[in-house]
Every structure is written in structure tokens, then in C-alpha cells.
């Protein structure tokens, strides 16, 4: 189906959005499944103090990853094949996700202390698992978190930390000897930098809204294109009714001529 420039722009925007969504979804789902079914994580399900927070975080990762991949399937299939039914399903799912992001952002901002300590406990669980099992997947996860927050483990002392290889490179003279401990940094981000956390949710919501607008425009263009094709190959009923008397007269003249 031929699309104009606006339609092509919306189509490729949706494809890029779904590509990014797929990568993030695979990361969330893979990490969640690894934390849930890995041999090294079974010990956390034997203790109630750890299992509640840890299990909730792992479940959220798995569900989020699955939902994102389901959205990607509908988005890619609808954008590539220009199927209106699939695009409508994608539109509904993205709308639900946008509302969910706003709701979670408001909850995280209103309960920033509890959210901060929950994320800090989840980080501590991953840290203990990495130290106990030398898990390469968890080591990569710790490295990403610690470089993002510029902190080092549970102690904040790179030379003495049990997972010092995951600590970020020093930025100042004192960093090789003393850095911020990650649990304290995580709590501080949620409490003292709440606008930053809220901005993360708002930014995610804006990206979802852009995908939402592109899908609406794309749906409108595909509908108009389908209507034009239908009108081109199916003449209006009125024209056929107008031709009927003429055909009848020609048939009558031909019959009388015999």
C-alpha cells in the first residue's frame, strides 16, 4: 500500500520504537527469568525476609518483559503489514502502558521512601548473589547499576569490596579509596532527587505518547488508502442502477430487430 511521507515517517518511527522496546523487553525478561530459576537464587526463597521483596521485584521484571514483547509483536506486525486490526490492538496496549507509567510514577513519587528502600533491598540481593556465586550475568547487572549511579558495592571502599571488579572507574583522587555505597545512593535518589525519578517516568510516558500519536496517524492514513482503493475498484451502486434502464432498452431493441 502506497503511503505518503507522513505515513512513511510514522511507519518507521513505530518500527524504531518497537526495536528499542524489544531490546528492553528481552533484557527485563531474561534478567527476571535468570533471577527466578538460577540455582544461585534458590537460597533467597528459603528466607521470608528476602523472598518477599526479591520475589516481587523478579515478578515485576518478568511481567514487564512479557508485556513489552507482546506489544512489540502487535506493533511490528501491524506496521510492516499495515493491518488495521493489529494496529488497533497495538494502540490499545500502548494506551494502557502510558496510563500505567503515569500511575507508577505518581505512586513512586508519593511513596518515595518505601520505593527507595525496596530498590535498595533488591540491589543488595543481587549483590549478595553475585558475591556468593560469581555469576557473570549478575556481575554485568551490578556493573551497569554502579556505573549509572557512580557507587561501589555495599561498602563504598573499592579496595575492600567483595565485588570490586564491578565498581566504576574513579573520577577523582579519593575515588580509589572511598566511594558512595550503592544502597545509600539508591535511597538518596528516590528521596532527595524525586524530580529526577519522576522525570524518568514522564520521559517514558512521552515516548509512549509519541508512539501512540504515530499509530493513530498511521491508522488514519491506512484507512483512507483502503477507502480509495475500494472506491477505485468498486463503482458506486447508483451508477449501476443508472445503467440498468439503458441496458434494458438496448436489449429490447435488439430483440425487436429480430
C-alpha atoms as a PDB file:
ATOM      1  CA  UNK A   1       0.000   0.000   0.000  1.00  0.00           C
ATOM      2  CA  UNK A   2       1.476   3.347  -1.081  1.00  0.00           C
ATOM      3  CA  UNK A   3       1.966   5.843   1.736  1.00  0.00           C
ATOM      4  CA  UNK A   4       2.908   9.500   1.645  1.00  0.00           C
ATOM      5  CA  UNK A   5       5.879  10.934   3.518  1.00  0.00           C
ATOM      6  CA  UNK A   6       3.911  11.389   6.727  1.00  0.00           C
ATOM      7  CA  UNK A   7       2.784   7.773   6.605  1.00  0.00           C
ATOM      8  CA  UNK A   8       6.304   6.501   5.972  1.00  0.00           C
ATOM      9  CA  UNK A   9       7.648   8.650   8.817  1.00  0.00           C
ATOM     10  CA  UNK A  10       5.063   7.216  11.215  1.00  0.00           C
ATOM     11  CA  UNK A  11       5.727   3.689   9.987  1.00  0.00           C
ATOM     12  CA  UNK A  12       9.494   3.838  10.524  1.00  0.00           C
ATOM     13  CA  UNK A  13       9.036   5.650  13.848  1.00  0.00           C
ATOM     14  CA  UNK A  14       6.873   2.759  15.020  1.00  0.00           C
ATOM     15  CA  UNK A  15       9.479   0.240  13.839  1.00  0.00           C
ATOM     16  CA  UNK A  16      12.290   2.039  15.694  1.00  0.00           C
ATOM     17  CA  UNK A  17      10.124   2.318  18.802  1.00  0.00           C
ATOM     18  CA  UNK A  18       9.341  -1.398  18.694  1.00  0.00           C
ATOM     19  CA  UNK A  19      13.011  -2.274  18.171  1.00  0.00           C
ATOM     20  CA  UNK A  20      14.003  -0.362  21.320  1.00  0.00           C
ATOM     21  CA  UNK A  21      11.028  -1.811  23.168  1.00  0.00           C
ATOM     22  CA  UNK A  22      12.054  -5.331  22.131  1.00  0.00           C
ATOM     23  CA  UNK A  23      15.626  -4.884  23.383  1.00  0.00           C
ATOM     24  CA  UNK A  24      14.472  -3.572  26.759  1.00  0.00           C
ATOM     25  CA  UNK A  25      11.805  -6.279  26.986  1.00  0.00           C
ATOM     26  CA  UNK A  26      14.326  -9.047  26.305  1.00  0.00           C
ATOM     27  CA  UNK A  27      16.663  -7.622  28.967  1.00  0.00           C
ATOM     28  CA  UNK A  28      13.887  -7.437  31.582  1.00  0.00           C
ATOM     29  CA  UNK A  29      12.525 -10.875  30.762  1.00  0.00           C
ATOM     30  CA  UNK A  30      15.952 -12.503  30.583  1.00  0.00           C
ATOM     31  CA  UNK A  31      17.138 -10.994  33.859  1.00  0.00           C
ATOM     32  CA  UNK A  32      13.863 -11.860  35.582  1.00  0.00           C
ATOM     33  CA  UNK A  33      13.928 -15.474  34.410  1.00  0.00           C
ATOM     34  CA  UNK A  34      17.592 -15.793  35.353  1.00  0.00           C
ATOM     35  CA  UNK A  35      16.952 -14.471  38.855  1.00  0.00           C
ATOM     36  CA  UNK A  36      13.905 -16.706  39.252  1.00  0.00           C
ATOM     37  CA  UNK A  37      15.255 -20.044  38.008  1.00  0.00           C
ATOM     38  CA  UNK A  38      19.010 -19.770  38.552  1.00  0.00           C
ATOM     39  CA  UNK A  39      20.497 -22.249  41.041  1.00  0.00           C
ATOM     40  CA  UNK A  40      22.146 -19.451  42.976  1.00  0.00           C
ATOM     41  CA  UNK A  41      18.885 -17.623  43.713  1.00  0.00           C
ATOM     42  CA  UNK A  42      17.075 -20.515  45.370  1.00  0.00           C
ATOM     43  CA  UNK A  43      18.514 -19.622  48.753  1.00  0.00           C
ATOM     44  CA  UNK A  44      16.570 -16.330  48.737  1.00  0.00           C
ATOM     45  CA  UNK A  45      13.260 -18.156  48.557  1.00  0.00           C
ATOM     46  CA  UNK A  46      14.105 -20.025  51.773  1.00  0.00           C
ATOM     47  CA  UNK A  47      14.103 -16.854  53.878  1.00  0.00           C
ATOM     48  CA  UNK A  48      10.945 -14.796  54.265  1.00  0.00           C
ATOM     49  CA  UNK A  49      12.846 -11.553  54.893  1.00  0.00           C
ATOM     50  CA  UNK A  50      14.433 -11.698  51.465  1.00  0.00           C
ATOM     51  CA  UNK A  51      11.875 -13.643  49.451  1.00  0.00           C
ATOM     52  CA  UNK A  52       9.056 -11.068  49.635  1.00  0.00           C
ATOM     53  CA  UNK A  53      10.955  -8.091  48.214  1.00  0.00           C
ATOM     54  CA  UNK A  54      13.140 -10.163  45.925  1.00  0.00           C
ATOM     55  CA  UNK A  55      10.288 -12.257  44.553  1.00  0.00           C
ATOM     56  CA  UNK A  56       8.134  -9.165  43.935  1.00  0.00           C
ATOM     57  CA  UNK A  57      10.930  -7.438  42.016  1.00  0.00           C
ATOM     58  CA  UNK A  58      11.639 -10.560  39.935  1.00  0.00           C
ATOM     59  CA  UNK A  59       7.932 -10.991  39.168  1.00  0.00           C
ATOM     60  CA  UNK A  60       7.679  -7.350  38.053  1.00  0.00           C
ATOM     61  CA  UNK A  61      10.675  -7.841  35.740  1.00  0.00           C
ATOM     62  CA  UNK A  62       9.185 -10.957  34.148  1.00  0.00           C
ATOM     63  CA  UNK A  63       5.692  -9.495  33.679  1.00  0.00           C
ATOM     64  CA  UNK A  64       7.068  -6.206  32.330  1.00  0.00           C
ATOM     65  CA  UNK A  65       9.305  -8.016  29.853  1.00  0.00           C
ATOM     66  CA  UNK A  66       6.446 -10.233  28.639  1.00  0.00           C
ATOM     67  CA  UNK A  67       4.050  -7.306  28.206  1.00  0.00           C
ATOM     68  CA  UNK A  68       6.652  -5.314  26.287  1.00  0.00           C
ATOM     69  CA  UNK A  69       7.359  -8.209  23.928  1.00  0.00           C
ATOM     70  CA  UNK A  70       3.629  -8.763  23.318  1.00  0.00           C
ATOM     71  CA  UNK A  71       3.287  -5.077  22.440  1.00  0.00           C
ATOM     72  CA  UNK A  72       6.270  -5.397  20.081  1.00  0.00           C
ATOM     73  CA  UNK A  73       4.685  -8.353  18.251  1.00  0.00           C
ATOM     74  CA  UNK A  74       1.499  -6.397  17.530  1.00  0.00           C
ATOM     75  CA  UNK A  75       3.404  -3.217  16.690  1.00  0.00           C
ATOM     76  CA  UNK A  76       5.861  -4.768  14.243  1.00  0.00           C
ATOM     77  CA  UNK A  77       3.268  -6.946  12.506  1.00  0.00           C
ATOM     78  CA  UNK A  78       0.806  -4.075  12.218  1.00  0.00           C
ATOM     79  CA  UNK A  79       3.397  -1.585  10.938  1.00  0.00           C
ATOM     80  CA  UNK A  80       5.012  -3.958   8.426  1.00  0.00           C
ATOM     81  CA  UNK A  81       1.807  -5.426   7.016  1.00  0.00           C
ATOM     82  CA  UNK A  82      -0.358  -2.337   7.580  1.00  0.00           C
ATOM     83  CA  UNK A  83      -3.101  -4.380   9.255  1.00  0.00           C
ATOM     84  CA  UNK A  84      -5.652  -2.104  10.890  1.00  0.00           C
ATOM     85  CA  UNK A  85      -6.906  -4.689  13.400  1.00  0.00           C
ATOM     86  CA  UNK A  86      -3.373  -5.348  14.655  1.00  0.00           C
ATOM     87  CA  UNK A  87      -2.622  -1.629  14.797  1.00  0.00           C
ATOM     88  CA  UNK A  88      -5.782  -1.047  16.825  1.00  0.00           C
ATOM     89  CA  UNK A  89      -4.650  -3.714  19.319  1.00  0.00           C
ATOM     90  CA  UNK A  90      -1.213  -2.086  19.494  1.00  0.00           C
ATOM     91  CA  UNK A  91      -2.889   1.290  20.050  1.00  0.00           C
ATOM     92  CA  UNK A  92      -4.917  -0.056  22.986  1.00  0.00           C
ATOM     93  CA  UNK A  93      -1.888  -1.749  24.574  1.00  0.00           C
ATOM     94  CA  UNK A  94       0.295   1.360  24.289  1.00  0.00           C
ATOM     95  CA  UNK A  95      -2.503   3.457  25.800  1.00  0.00           C
ATOM     96  CA  UNK A  96      -2.692   1.088  28.778  1.00  0.00           C
ATOM     97  CA  UNK A  97       1.079   1.201  29.196  1.00  0.00           C
ATOM     98  CA  UNK A  98       1.105   5.011  29.095  1.00  0.00           C
ATOM     99  CA  UNK A  99      -1.540   5.179  31.825  1.00  0.00           C
ATOM    100  CA  UNK A 100       0.342   2.562  33.878  1.00  0.00           C
ATOM    101  CA  UNK A 101       3.608   4.515  33.637  1.00  0.00           C
ATOM    102  CA  UNK A 102       1.902   7.677  34.898  1.00  0.00           C
ATOM    103  CA  UNK A 103       0.248   5.783  37.772  1.00  0.00           C
ATOM    104  CA  UNK A 104       3.509   4.091  38.827  1.00  0.00           C
ATOM    105  CA  UNK A 105       5.319   7.422  38.624  1.00  0.00           C
ATOM    106  CA  UNK A 106       2.795   9.070  40.928  1.00  0.00           C
ATOM    107  CA  UNK A 107       2.971   6.133  43.371  1.00  0.00           C
ATOM    108  CA  UNK A 108       6.777   6.149  43.383  1.00  0.00           C
ATOM    109  CA  UNK A 109       6.803   9.897  43.997  1.00  0.00           C
ATOM    110  CA  UNK A 110       4.213   9.753  46.796  1.00  0.00           C
ATOM    111  CA  UNK A 111       5.894   6.767  48.484  1.00  0.00           C
ATOM    112  CA  UNK A 112       9.479   7.644  47.677  1.00  0.00           C
ATOM    113  CA  UNK A 113      10.917   6.406  50.988  1.00  0.00           C
ATOM    114  CA  UNK A 114       9.368   2.940  50.675  1.00  0.00           C
ATOM    115  CA  UNK A 115      10.275   2.782  46.971  1.00  0.00           C
ATOM    116  CA  UNK A 116      13.865   3.784  47.687  1.00  0.00           C
ATOM    117  CA  UNK A 117      14.352   1.127  50.350  1.00  0.00           C
ATOM    118  CA  UNK A 118      12.666  -1.516  48.165  1.00  0.00           C
ATOM    119  CA  UNK A 119      15.056  -0.827  45.279  1.00  0.00           C
ATOM    120  CA  UNK A 120      17.994  -0.742  47.695  1.00  0.00           C
ATOM    121  CA  UNK A 121      16.994  -4.150  49.086  1.00  0.00           C
ATOM    122  CA  UNK A 122      16.699  -5.540  45.583  1.00  0.00           C
ATOM    123  CA  UNK A 123      20.177  -4.237  44.768  1.00  0.00           C
ATOM    124  CA  UNK A 124      21.554  -5.817  47.948  1.00  0.00           C
ATOM    125  CA  UNK A 125      20.009  -9.154  46.953  1.00  0.00           C
ATOM    126  CA  UNK A 126      21.678  -9.038  43.535  1.00  0.00           C
ATOM    127  CA  UNK A 127      24.956  -8.009  45.163  1.00  0.00           C
ATOM    128  CA  UNK A 128      24.921 -10.937  47.605  1.00  0.00           C
ATOM    129  CA  UNK A 129      24.083 -13.381  44.832  1.00  0.00           C
ATOM    130  CA  UNK A 130      26.905 -12.055  42.671  1.00  0.00           C
ATOM    131  CA  UNK A 131      29.435 -12.319  45.501  1.00  0.00           C
ATOM    132  CA  UNK A 132      28.280 -15.800  46.547  1.00  0.00           C
ATOM    133  CA  UNK A 133      28.095 -17.351  43.077  1.00  0.00           C
ATOM    134  CA  UNK A 134      30.368 -15.191  40.886  1.00  0.00           C
ATOM    135  CA  UNK A 135      27.543 -15.056  38.393  1.00  0.00           C
ATOM    136  CA  UNK A 136      28.603 -13.245  35.171  1.00  0.00           C
ATOM    137  CA  UNK A 137      25.030 -12.088  34.380  1.00  0.00           C
ATOM    138  CA  UNK A 138      24.649 -10.547  37.829  1.00  0.00           C
ATOM    139  CA  UNK A 139      28.137  -9.037  37.551  1.00  0.00           C
ATOM    140  CA  UNK A 140      27.098  -7.261  34.334  1.00  0.00           C
ATOM    141  CA  UNK A 141      23.906  -6.066  36.049  1.00  0.00           C
ATOM    142  CA  UNK A 142      25.868  -4.713  39.026  1.00  0.00           C
ATOM    143  CA  UNK A 143      28.365  -3.026  36.731  1.00  0.00           C
ATOM    144  CA  UNK A 144      25.579  -1.245  34.846  1.00  0.00           C
ATOM    145  CA  UNK A 145      23.829  -0.070  38.044  1.00  0.00           C
ATOM    146  CA  UNK A 146      27.031   1.088  39.714  1.00  0.00           C
ATOM    147  CA  UNK A 147      28.309   2.955  36.675  1.00  0.00           C
ATOM    148  CA  UNK A 148      24.918   4.610  36.275  1.00  0.00           C
ATOM    149  CA  UNK A 149      24.873   5.768  39.910  1.00  0.00           C
ATOM    150  CA  UNK A 150      28.667   6.037  40.328  1.00  0.00           C
ATOM    151  CA  UNK A 151      28.780   3.977  43.509  1.00  0.00           C
ATOM    152  CA  UNK A 152      30.674   0.916  44.682  1.00  0.00           C
ATOM    153  CA  UNK A 153      29.030  -2.110  46.273  1.00  0.00           C
ATOM    154  CA  UNK A 154      27.774  -2.349  49.811  1.00  0.00           C
ATOM    155  CA  UNK A 155      30.866  -0.874  51.450  1.00  0.00           C
ATOM    156  CA  UNK A 156      31.822   2.035  49.214  1.00  0.00           C
ATOM    157  CA  UNK A 157      35.503   1.065  49.527  1.00  0.00           C
ATOM    158  CA  UNK A 158      36.731  -0.256  46.160  1.00  0.00           C
ATOM    159  CA  UNK A 159      39.876  -1.893  47.526  1.00  0.00           C
ATOM    160  CA  UNK A 160      37.926  -3.880  50.153  1.00  0.00           C
ATOM    161  CA  UNK A 161      34.661  -4.539  48.374  1.00  0.00           C
ATOM    162  CA  UNK A 162      33.843  -8.164  47.567  1.00  0.00           C
ATOM    163  CA  UNK A 163      32.749  -7.246  44.045  1.00  0.00           C
ATOM    164  CA  UNK A 164      35.309  -4.536  43.376  1.00  0.00           C
ATOM    165  CA  UNK A 165      35.645  -5.547  39.718  1.00  0.00           C
ATOM    166  CA  UNK A 166      32.107  -4.233  39.164  1.00  0.00           C
ATOM    167  CA  UNK A 167      32.886  -0.793  40.627  1.00  0.00           C
ATOM    168  CA  UNK A 168      33.138   2.136  38.181  1.00  0.00           C
ATOM    169  CA  UNK A 169      36.395   3.816  37.248  1.00  0.00           C
ATOM    170  CA  UNK A 170      37.469   6.576  39.655  1.00  0.00           C
ATOM    171  CA  UNK A 171      36.618  10.148  38.705  1.00  0.00           C
ATOM    172  CA  UNK A 172      38.519  11.929  41.474  1.00  0.00           C
ATOM    173  CA  UNK A 173      41.563  11.461  43.702  1.00  0.00           C
ATOM    174  CA  UNK A 174      39.564   9.935  46.557  1.00  0.00           C
ATOM    175  CA  UNK A 175      37.501   7.505  44.458  1.00  0.00           C
ATOM    176  CA  UNK A 176      40.083   4.675  44.524  1.00  0.00           C
ATOM    177  CA  UNK A 177      39.907   4.724  48.331  1.00  0.00           C
ATOM    178  CA  UNK A 178      36.362   5.775  49.145  1.00  0.00           C
ATOM    179  CA  UNK A 179      33.147   5.985  47.126  1.00  0.00           C
ATOM    180  CA  UNK A 180      29.464   6.105  47.992  1.00  0.00           C
ATOM    181  CA  UNK A 181      27.830   2.811  48.909  1.00  0.00           C
ATOM    182  CA  UNK A 182      25.129   1.888  46.393  1.00  0.00           C
ATOM    183  CA  UNK A 183      22.219   1.214  48.784  1.00  0.00           C
ATOM    184  CA  UNK A 184      22.571   4.694  50.278  1.00  0.00           C
ATOM    185  CA  UNK A 185      22.821   6.258  46.821  1.00  0.00           C
ATOM    186  CA  UNK A 186      19.658   4.471  45.650  1.00  0.00           C
ATOM    187  CA  UNK A 187      17.676   5.652  48.667  1.00  0.00           C
ATOM    188  CA  UNK A 188      19.058   9.171  48.239  1.00  0.00           C
ATOM    189  CA  UNK A 189      17.979   9.249  44.584  1.00  0.00           C
ATOM    190  CA  UNK A 190      14.383   8.388  45.482  1.00  0.00           C
ATOM    191  CA  UNK A 191      14.188  10.748  48.470  1.00  0.00           C
ATOM    192  CA  UNK A 192      16.317  13.773  47.592  1.00  0.00           C
ATOM    193  CA  UNK A 193      16.144  13.522  43.803  1.00  0.00           C
ATOM    194  CA  UNK A 194      12.478  12.685  43.413  1.00  0.00           C
ATOM    195  CA  UNK A 195      12.058  15.051  40.408  1.00  0.00           C
ATOM    196  CA  UNK A 196      14.734  13.035  38.584  1.00  0.00           C
ATOM    197  CA  UNK A 197      12.838   9.798  39.190  1.00  0.00           C
ATOM    198  CA  UNK A 198       9.574  11.436  38.181  1.00  0.00           C
ATOM    199  CA  UNK A 199      11.288  12.787  35.066  1.00  0.00           C
ATOM    200  CA  UNK A 200      12.250   9.223  34.135  1.00  0.00           C
ATOM    201  CA  UNK A 201       8.612   8.149  34.294  1.00  0.00           C
ATOM    202  CA  UNK A 202       7.490  11.270  32.421  1.00  0.00           C
ATOM    203  CA  UNK A 203      10.098  10.686  29.706  1.00  0.00           C
ATOM    204  CA  UNK A 204       8.917   7.112  29.280  1.00  0.00           C
ATOM    205  CA  UNK A 205       5.346   8.368  29.084  1.00  0.00           C
ATOM    206  CA  UNK A 206       6.295  10.914  26.399  1.00  0.00           C
ATOM    207  CA  UNK A 207       7.902   8.168  24.296  1.00  0.00           C
ATOM    208  CA  UNK A 208       4.736   6.099  24.621  1.00  0.00           C
ATOM    209  CA  UNK A 209       2.603   9.095  23.652  1.00  0.00           C
ATOM    210  CA  UNK A 210       4.744   9.645  20.537  1.00  0.00           C
ATOM    211  CA  UNK A 211       4.201   6.001  19.579  1.00  0.00           C
ATOM    212  CA  UNK A 212       0.507   6.483  20.309  1.00  0.00           C
ATOM    213  CA  UNK A 213       0.239   9.537  18.023  1.00  0.00           C
ATOM    214  CA  UNK A 214       2.182   7.795  15.247  1.00  0.00           C
ATOM    215  CA  UNK A 215      -0.070   4.753  15.443  1.00  0.00           C
ATOM    216  CA  UNK A 216      -3.203   6.958  15.264  1.00  0.00           C
ATOM    217  CA  UNK A 217      -1.870   8.841  12.224  1.00  0.00           C
ATOM    218  CA  UNK A 218      -0.797   5.583  10.603  1.00  0.00           C
ATOM    219  CA  UNK A 219      -4.232   4.076  11.221  1.00  0.00           C
ATOM    220  CA  UNK A 220      -5.937   7.116   9.671  1.00  0.00           C
ATOM    221  CA  UNK A 221      -3.742   7.004   6.588  1.00  0.00           C
ATOM    222  CA  UNK A 222      -4.202   3.267   6.050  1.00  0.00           C
ATOM    223  CA  UNK A 223      -7.977   3.649   6.426  1.00  0.00           C
ATOM    224  CA  UNK A 224      -8.064   6.464   3.847  1.00  0.00           C
ATOM    225  CA  UNK A 225      -5.893   4.445   1.478  1.00  0.00           C
ATOM    226  CA  UNK A 226      -8.164   1.425   1.800  1.00  0.00           C
ATOM    227  CA  UNK A 227     -11.218   3.586   1.111  1.00  0.00           C
ATOM    228  CA  UNK A 228      -9.584   4.986  -2.036  1.00  0.00           C
ATOM    229  CA  UNK A 229      -8.768   1.503  -3.292  1.00  0.00           C
ATOM    230  CA  UNK A 230     -12.297   0.309  -2.573  1.00  0.00           C
ATOM    231  CA  UNK A 231     -13.805   3.293  -4.400  1.00  0.00           C
ATOM    232  CA  UNK A 232     -11.474   2.726  -7.367  1.00  0.00           C
ATOM    233  CA  UNK A 233     -12.306  -0.931  -7.957  1.00  0.00           C
ATOM    234  CA  UNK A 234     -15.933  -0.960  -6.747  1.00  0.00           C
ATOM    235  CA  UNK A 235     -18.104   1.618  -8.605  1.00  0.00           C
ATOM    236  CA  UNK A 236     -20.958   3.186  -6.644  1.00  0.00           C
ATOM    237  CA  UNK A 237     -24.316   1.404  -6.642  1.00  0.00           C
ATOM    238  CA  UNK A 238     -26.025   4.449  -8.168  1.00  0.00           C
ATOM    239  CA  UNK A 239     -24.008   4.208 -11.387  1.00  0.00           C
ATOM    240  CA  UNK A 240     -25.058   0.601 -11.876  1.00  0.00           C
ATOM    241  CA  UNK A 241     -28.707   1.485 -11.311  1.00  0.00           C
ATOM    242  CA  UNK A 242     -28.435   4.309 -13.832  1.00  0.00           C
ATOM    243  CA  UNK A 243     -27.063   1.942 -16.462  1.00  0.00           C
ATOM    244  CA  UNK A 244     -29.817  -0.633 -15.964  1.00  0.00           C
ATOM    245  CA  UNK A 245     -32.590   1.170 -17.978  1.00  0.00           C
ATOM    246  CA  UNK A 246     -30.134   1.788 -20.820  1.00  0.00           C
ATOM    247  CA  UNK A 247     -29.130  -1.877 -20.933  1.00  0.00           C
ATOM    248  CA  UNK A 248     -32.809  -2.893 -20.860  1.00  0.00           C
ATOM    249  CA  UNK A 249     -33.641  -0.592 -23.798  1.00  0.00           C
ATOM    250  CA  UNK A 250     -30.716  -1.927 -25.824  1.00  0.00           C
ATOM    251  CA  UNK A 251     -31.818  -5.480 -25.120  1.00  0.00           C
ATOM    252  CA  UNK A 252     -35.392  -4.656 -26.215  1.00  0.00           C
ATOM    253  CA  UNK A 253     -34.221  -3.011 -29.454  1.00  0.00           C
ATOM    254  CA  UNK A 254     -32.010  -5.955 -30.231  1.00  0.00           C
ATOM    255  CA  UNK A 255     -34.887  -8.386 -29.633  1.00  0.00           C
ATOM    256  CA  UNK A 256     -37.350  -6.448 -31.808  1.00  0.00           C
ATOM    257  CA  UNK A 257     -34.846  -6.232 -34.626  1.00  0.00           C
ATOM    258  CA  UNK A 258     -35.064  -9.957 -34.998  1.00  0.00           C
END
